N, C-alpha and C. Protein backbone atom coordinates (compact mmCIF):
# COMPACT_ATOMS: atom_id res chain seq x y z
N MET A 1 -147.93 -17.01 11.44
CA MET A 1 -148.84 -16.00 12.01
C MET A 1 -148.45 -14.61 11.81
N GLN A 2 -149.44 -13.78 11.53
CA GLN A 2 -149.25 -12.45 11.16
C GLN A 2 -148.87 -11.45 12.29
N ARG A 3 -147.86 -10.70 12.01
CA ARG A 3 -147.47 -9.58 13.06
C ARG A 3 -148.57 -8.51 12.77
N LEU A 4 -149.26 -8.22 13.98
CA LEU A 4 -150.28 -7.23 13.92
C LEU A 4 -149.72 -5.66 14.15
N LYS A 5 -148.85 -5.63 15.05
CA LYS A 5 -148.18 -4.36 15.34
C LYS A 5 -146.78 -4.36 16.08
N THR A 6 -146.07 -3.41 16.09
CA THR A 6 -144.83 -3.33 16.92
C THR A 6 -145.23 -2.19 17.88
N ILE A 7 -144.89 -2.51 19.14
CA ILE A 7 -145.18 -1.34 20.23
C ILE A 7 -144.11 -1.12 20.97
N THR A 8 -143.82 0.04 21.49
CA THR A 8 -142.83 0.22 22.41
C THR A 8 -143.39 1.17 23.63
N ASP A 9 -142.58 1.39 24.68
CA ASP A 9 -143.02 2.15 25.79
C ASP A 9 -143.63 3.54 25.30
N SER A 10 -143.13 4.04 24.27
CA SER A 10 -143.54 5.36 23.74
C SER A 10 -145.05 5.30 23.37
N ASP A 11 -145.53 4.30 23.09
CA ASP A 11 -146.98 4.01 22.77
C ASP A 11 -147.88 4.34 24.05
N PHE A 12 -147.23 4.23 25.23
CA PHE A 12 -147.91 4.36 26.51
C PHE A 12 -147.57 5.61 27.25
N VAL A 13 -146.33 6.04 27.15
CA VAL A 13 -145.79 7.11 28.00
C VAL A 13 -145.33 8.36 27.16
N GLY A 14 -145.50 8.22 25.86
CA GLY A 14 -145.25 9.40 24.92
C GLY A 14 -143.76 9.67 24.72
N SER A 15 -142.83 8.93 25.11
CA SER A 15 -141.33 9.10 24.97
C SER A 15 -140.90 8.74 23.59
N GLU A 16 -139.70 8.78 23.14
CA GLU A 16 -139.15 8.45 21.90
C GLU A 16 -139.03 6.91 21.83
N PRO A 17 -139.45 6.33 20.61
CA PRO A 17 -139.48 4.96 20.68
C PRO A 17 -138.09 4.22 20.73
N GLU A 18 -137.88 3.08 21.44
CA GLU A 18 -136.61 2.46 21.47
C GLU A 18 -136.82 1.15 21.24
N PHE A 19 -136.10 0.57 20.02
CA PHE A 19 -136.21 -0.65 19.54
C PHE A 19 -135.10 -1.56 20.17
N MET A 20 -135.37 -2.77 20.58
CA MET A 20 -134.33 -3.62 21.19
C MET A 20 -133.74 -4.47 20.14
N GLU A 21 -132.46 -4.80 20.19
CA GLU A 21 -131.88 -5.70 19.17
C GLU A 21 -132.06 -7.16 19.45
N VAL A 22 -132.27 -7.40 20.81
CA VAL A 22 -132.22 -8.72 21.19
C VAL A 22 -133.56 -9.04 22.01
N VAL A 23 -134.25 -10.33 21.76
CA VAL A 23 -135.41 -10.59 22.56
C VAL A 23 -135.00 -11.13 23.91
N SER A 24 -135.48 -10.50 24.82
CA SER A 24 -135.06 -10.91 26.45
C SER A 24 -136.19 -12.05 26.80
N ARG A 25 -137.40 -11.89 26.29
CA ARG A 25 -138.37 -12.84 26.72
C ARG A 25 -139.60 -12.85 25.71
N TYR A 26 -140.05 -13.96 25.41
CA TYR A 26 -141.29 -14.16 24.79
C TYR A 26 -142.42 -14.29 25.73
N ALA A 27 -143.56 -13.70 25.33
CA ALA A 27 -144.83 -13.95 26.19
C ALA A 27 -146.00 -14.12 25.23
N SER A 28 -146.95 -14.80 25.83
CA SER A 28 -148.14 -15.08 25.09
C SER A 28 -149.38 -14.49 25.91
N ARG A 29 -150.05 -13.64 25.27
CA ARG A 29 -151.23 -12.91 25.69
C ARG A 29 -152.43 -13.12 24.84
N GLY A 30 -153.72 -12.73 25.42
CA GLY A 30 -154.80 -13.00 24.63
C GLY A 30 -155.97 -12.27 25.24
N VAL A 31 -157.01 -12.51 24.33
CA VAL A 31 -158.42 -11.95 24.71
C VAL A 31 -159.13 -13.19 25.47
N LEU A 32 -159.37 -12.92 26.75
CA LEU A 32 -160.10 -14.01 27.36
C LEU A 32 -161.56 -13.43 27.78
N ILE A 33 -162.51 -14.32 27.21
CA ILE A 33 -163.90 -13.85 27.39
C ILE A 33 -164.64 -14.95 28.00
N ASN A 34 -165.41 -14.56 29.00
CA ASN A 34 -166.17 -15.52 29.76
C ASN A 34 -167.69 -15.89 29.08
N ASP A 35 -168.39 -16.63 29.74
CA ASP A 35 -169.81 -16.93 29.30
C ASP A 35 -170.75 -15.84 29.20
N GLU A 36 -170.38 -14.74 29.87
CA GLU A 36 -171.21 -13.59 30.13
C GLU A 36 -170.65 -12.50 28.99
N LEU A 37 -169.86 -12.81 28.22
CA LEU A 37 -169.07 -11.90 27.26
C LEU A 37 -168.40 -10.72 27.79
N LYS A 38 -167.74 -11.08 29.12
CA LYS A 38 -166.95 -10.12 29.83
C LYS A 38 -165.46 -10.52 29.52
N VAL A 39 -164.72 -9.31 29.16
CA VAL A 39 -163.33 -9.51 28.80
C VAL A 39 -162.38 -9.30 30.21
N ALA A 40 -161.46 -10.15 30.15
CA ALA A 40 -160.53 -10.01 31.35
C ALA A 40 -159.42 -9.05 31.08
N MET A 41 -159.08 -8.31 31.88
CA MET A 41 -157.87 -7.28 31.77
C MET A 41 -157.17 -7.35 33.12
N MET A 42 -155.85 -7.20 33.13
CA MET A 42 -155.05 -7.22 34.18
C MET A 42 -154.53 -5.77 34.45
N GLU A 43 -154.73 -5.35 35.74
CA GLU A 43 -154.26 -3.84 36.06
C GLU A 43 -152.81 -3.94 36.37
N MET A 44 -152.11 -2.91 35.75
CA MET A 44 -150.86 -2.60 36.08
C MET A 44 -150.83 -1.48 36.93
N SER A 45 -150.99 -1.54 38.21
CA SER A 45 -151.45 -0.34 39.05
C SER A 45 -150.22 0.59 39.15
N SER A 46 -148.91 0.11 39.04
CA SER A 46 -147.71 1.00 39.03
C SER A 46 -147.67 1.95 37.76
N ALA A 47 -148.33 1.63 36.69
CA ALA A 47 -148.40 2.55 35.56
C ALA A 47 -149.68 3.02 35.17
N SER A 48 -150.64 2.61 36.00
CA SER A 48 -152.10 3.03 35.79
C SER A 48 -152.51 2.60 34.39
N LEU A 49 -152.21 1.32 34.02
CA LEU A 49 -152.43 0.75 32.63
C LEU A 49 -153.23 -0.54 32.93
N TYR A 50 -153.89 -1.05 31.88
CA TYR A 50 -154.38 -2.40 31.85
C TYR A 50 -153.84 -3.24 30.73
N LYS A 51 -153.76 -4.51 30.84
CA LYS A 51 -153.07 -5.24 29.65
C LYS A 51 -153.78 -6.70 29.66
N LEU A 52 -153.87 -7.35 28.51
CA LEU A 52 -154.43 -8.56 28.53
C LEU A 52 -153.63 -9.56 29.23
N PRO A 53 -154.47 -10.57 29.65
CA PRO A 53 -153.83 -11.57 30.60
C PRO A 53 -152.94 -12.50 29.70
N GLY A 54 -152.01 -13.07 30.53
CA GLY A 54 -150.98 -13.99 29.84
C GLY A 54 -149.66 -13.75 30.37
N GLY A 55 -148.58 -14.29 29.90
CA GLY A 55 -147.37 -14.04 30.57
C GLY A 55 -146.20 -14.87 29.66
N GLY A 56 -145.19 -14.95 30.35
CA GLY A 56 -143.88 -15.65 29.91
C GLY A 56 -144.03 -16.91 29.15
N VAL A 57 -143.42 -17.13 28.03
CA VAL A 57 -143.19 -18.52 27.46
C VAL A 57 -141.87 -19.25 28.05
N GLU A 58 -142.24 -20.26 28.66
CA GLU A 58 -141.05 -21.09 29.18
C GLU A 58 -140.22 -21.72 28.20
N GLU A 59 -138.99 -22.03 28.36
CA GLU A 59 -138.08 -22.56 27.25
C GLU A 59 -138.64 -23.94 26.98
N GLY A 60 -138.90 -24.20 25.57
CA GLY A 60 -139.35 -25.43 25.05
C GLY A 60 -140.95 -25.42 25.08
N GLU A 61 -141.58 -24.46 25.48
CA GLU A 61 -142.95 -24.41 25.62
C GLU A 61 -143.62 -23.74 24.41
N GLU A 62 -144.80 -24.22 23.90
CA GLU A 62 -145.33 -23.62 22.81
C GLU A 62 -146.19 -22.29 23.26
N ARG A 63 -146.31 -21.32 22.37
CA ARG A 63 -147.05 -20.14 22.69
C ARG A 63 -148.54 -20.46 23.25
N GLU A 64 -149.17 -21.37 22.77
CA GLU A 64 -150.60 -21.66 23.01
C GLU A 64 -150.57 -22.38 24.41
N ALA A 65 -149.58 -23.32 24.67
CA ALA A 65 -149.58 -23.91 25.98
C ALA A 65 -149.29 -22.74 27.00
N ALA A 66 -148.36 -21.92 26.80
CA ALA A 66 -148.07 -20.90 27.68
C ALA A 66 -149.33 -20.01 28.00
N PHE A 67 -150.13 -19.66 26.98
CA PHE A 67 -151.30 -18.77 27.25
C PHE A 67 -152.07 -19.67 27.99
N VAL A 68 -152.50 -20.81 27.74
CA VAL A 68 -153.51 -21.51 28.69
C VAL A 68 -152.90 -21.61 30.07
N ARG A 69 -151.69 -22.03 30.22
CA ARG A 69 -151.11 -21.98 31.61
C ARG A 69 -151.06 -20.70 32.36
N GLU A 70 -150.80 -19.59 31.66
CA GLU A 70 -150.91 -18.35 32.29
C GLU A 70 -152.23 -17.78 32.62
N ILE A 71 -153.21 -18.14 31.86
CA ILE A 71 -154.63 -17.73 32.17
C ILE A 71 -154.94 -18.55 33.52
N LYS A 72 -154.65 -19.76 33.58
CA LYS A 72 -155.09 -20.54 34.79
C LYS A 72 -154.27 -20.03 35.94
N GLU A 73 -152.93 -19.79 35.94
CA GLU A 73 -152.15 -19.17 37.02
C GLU A 73 -152.85 -17.79 37.37
N GLU A 74 -153.20 -16.84 36.49
CA GLU A 74 -153.58 -15.50 36.87
C GLU A 74 -155.04 -15.30 37.08
N THR A 75 -155.89 -16.17 36.56
CA THR A 75 -157.43 -15.95 36.74
C THR A 75 -157.98 -17.23 37.31
N GLY A 76 -157.40 -18.36 37.29
CA GLY A 76 -158.10 -19.56 37.74
C GLY A 76 -159.00 -20.24 36.83
N TYR A 77 -159.09 -19.52 35.56
CA TYR A 77 -159.91 -20.23 34.62
C TYR A 77 -159.18 -21.13 33.70
N ASP A 78 -159.86 -22.22 33.20
CA ASP A 78 -159.42 -22.93 32.19
C ASP A 78 -159.82 -22.45 30.80
N ALA A 79 -158.80 -22.06 30.08
CA ALA A 79 -159.08 -21.37 28.89
C ALA A 79 -159.08 -22.28 27.66
N VAL A 80 -159.69 -22.03 26.59
CA VAL A 80 -159.68 -22.71 25.31
C VAL A 80 -159.50 -21.88 24.23
N ILE A 81 -158.43 -22.03 23.50
CA ILE A 81 -158.13 -21.10 22.36
C ILE A 81 -159.02 -21.47 21.20
N ILE A 82 -159.77 -20.41 20.72
CA ILE A 82 -160.62 -20.59 19.57
C ILE A 82 -159.95 -20.28 18.32
N GLU A 83 -159.11 -19.13 18.42
CA GLU A 83 -158.44 -18.79 17.16
C GLU A 83 -157.24 -17.97 17.57
N ALA A 84 -156.28 -18.14 16.89
CA ALA A 84 -154.97 -17.19 16.96
C ALA A 84 -155.02 -16.11 15.96
N ILE A 85 -154.89 -15.03 16.31
CA ILE A 85 -155.23 -13.89 15.34
C ILE A 85 -153.92 -13.33 14.87
N GLY A 86 -152.81 -13.36 15.49
CA GLY A 86 -151.47 -12.66 15.31
C GLY A 86 -150.77 -12.58 16.39
N TYR A 87 -149.60 -11.84 16.11
CA TYR A 87 -148.77 -11.47 17.38
C TYR A 87 -148.39 -9.91 17.43
N ILE A 88 -147.89 -9.47 18.49
CA ILE A 88 -147.49 -8.11 18.59
C ILE A 88 -145.94 -8.20 19.08
N ASP A 89 -145.06 -7.43 18.36
CA ASP A 89 -143.60 -7.19 18.87
C ASP A 89 -143.56 -6.13 20.04
N GLU A 90 -143.33 -6.31 21.15
CA GLU A 90 -143.26 -5.43 22.11
C GLU A 90 -141.94 -5.18 22.64
N HIS A 91 -141.36 -3.99 22.44
CA HIS A 91 -140.17 -3.55 22.89
C HIS A 91 -140.33 -2.55 24.17
N LYS A 92 -139.72 -3.15 25.20
CA LYS A 92 -139.94 -2.34 26.46
C LYS A 92 -138.86 -2.64 27.44
């Protein structure tokens, strides 16, 4: 799978980018579109930002399974993955 971008907190708050040496957690997020073509976004009220739904990948879990599980937990919807388009390295 192709890396689409590497992001850090600096992409959101304008500070100097800091890149981590060790991965502390893997997550699976994606674009969730309903039958009315509305896109789901999760509000991060503490930072006044929105992010795509999804979350942490548990040990031994595949990224795709983690995404479907997280969508169900966060939105109540049963998601179907149509296409994986890539991944983003997030350093925060």
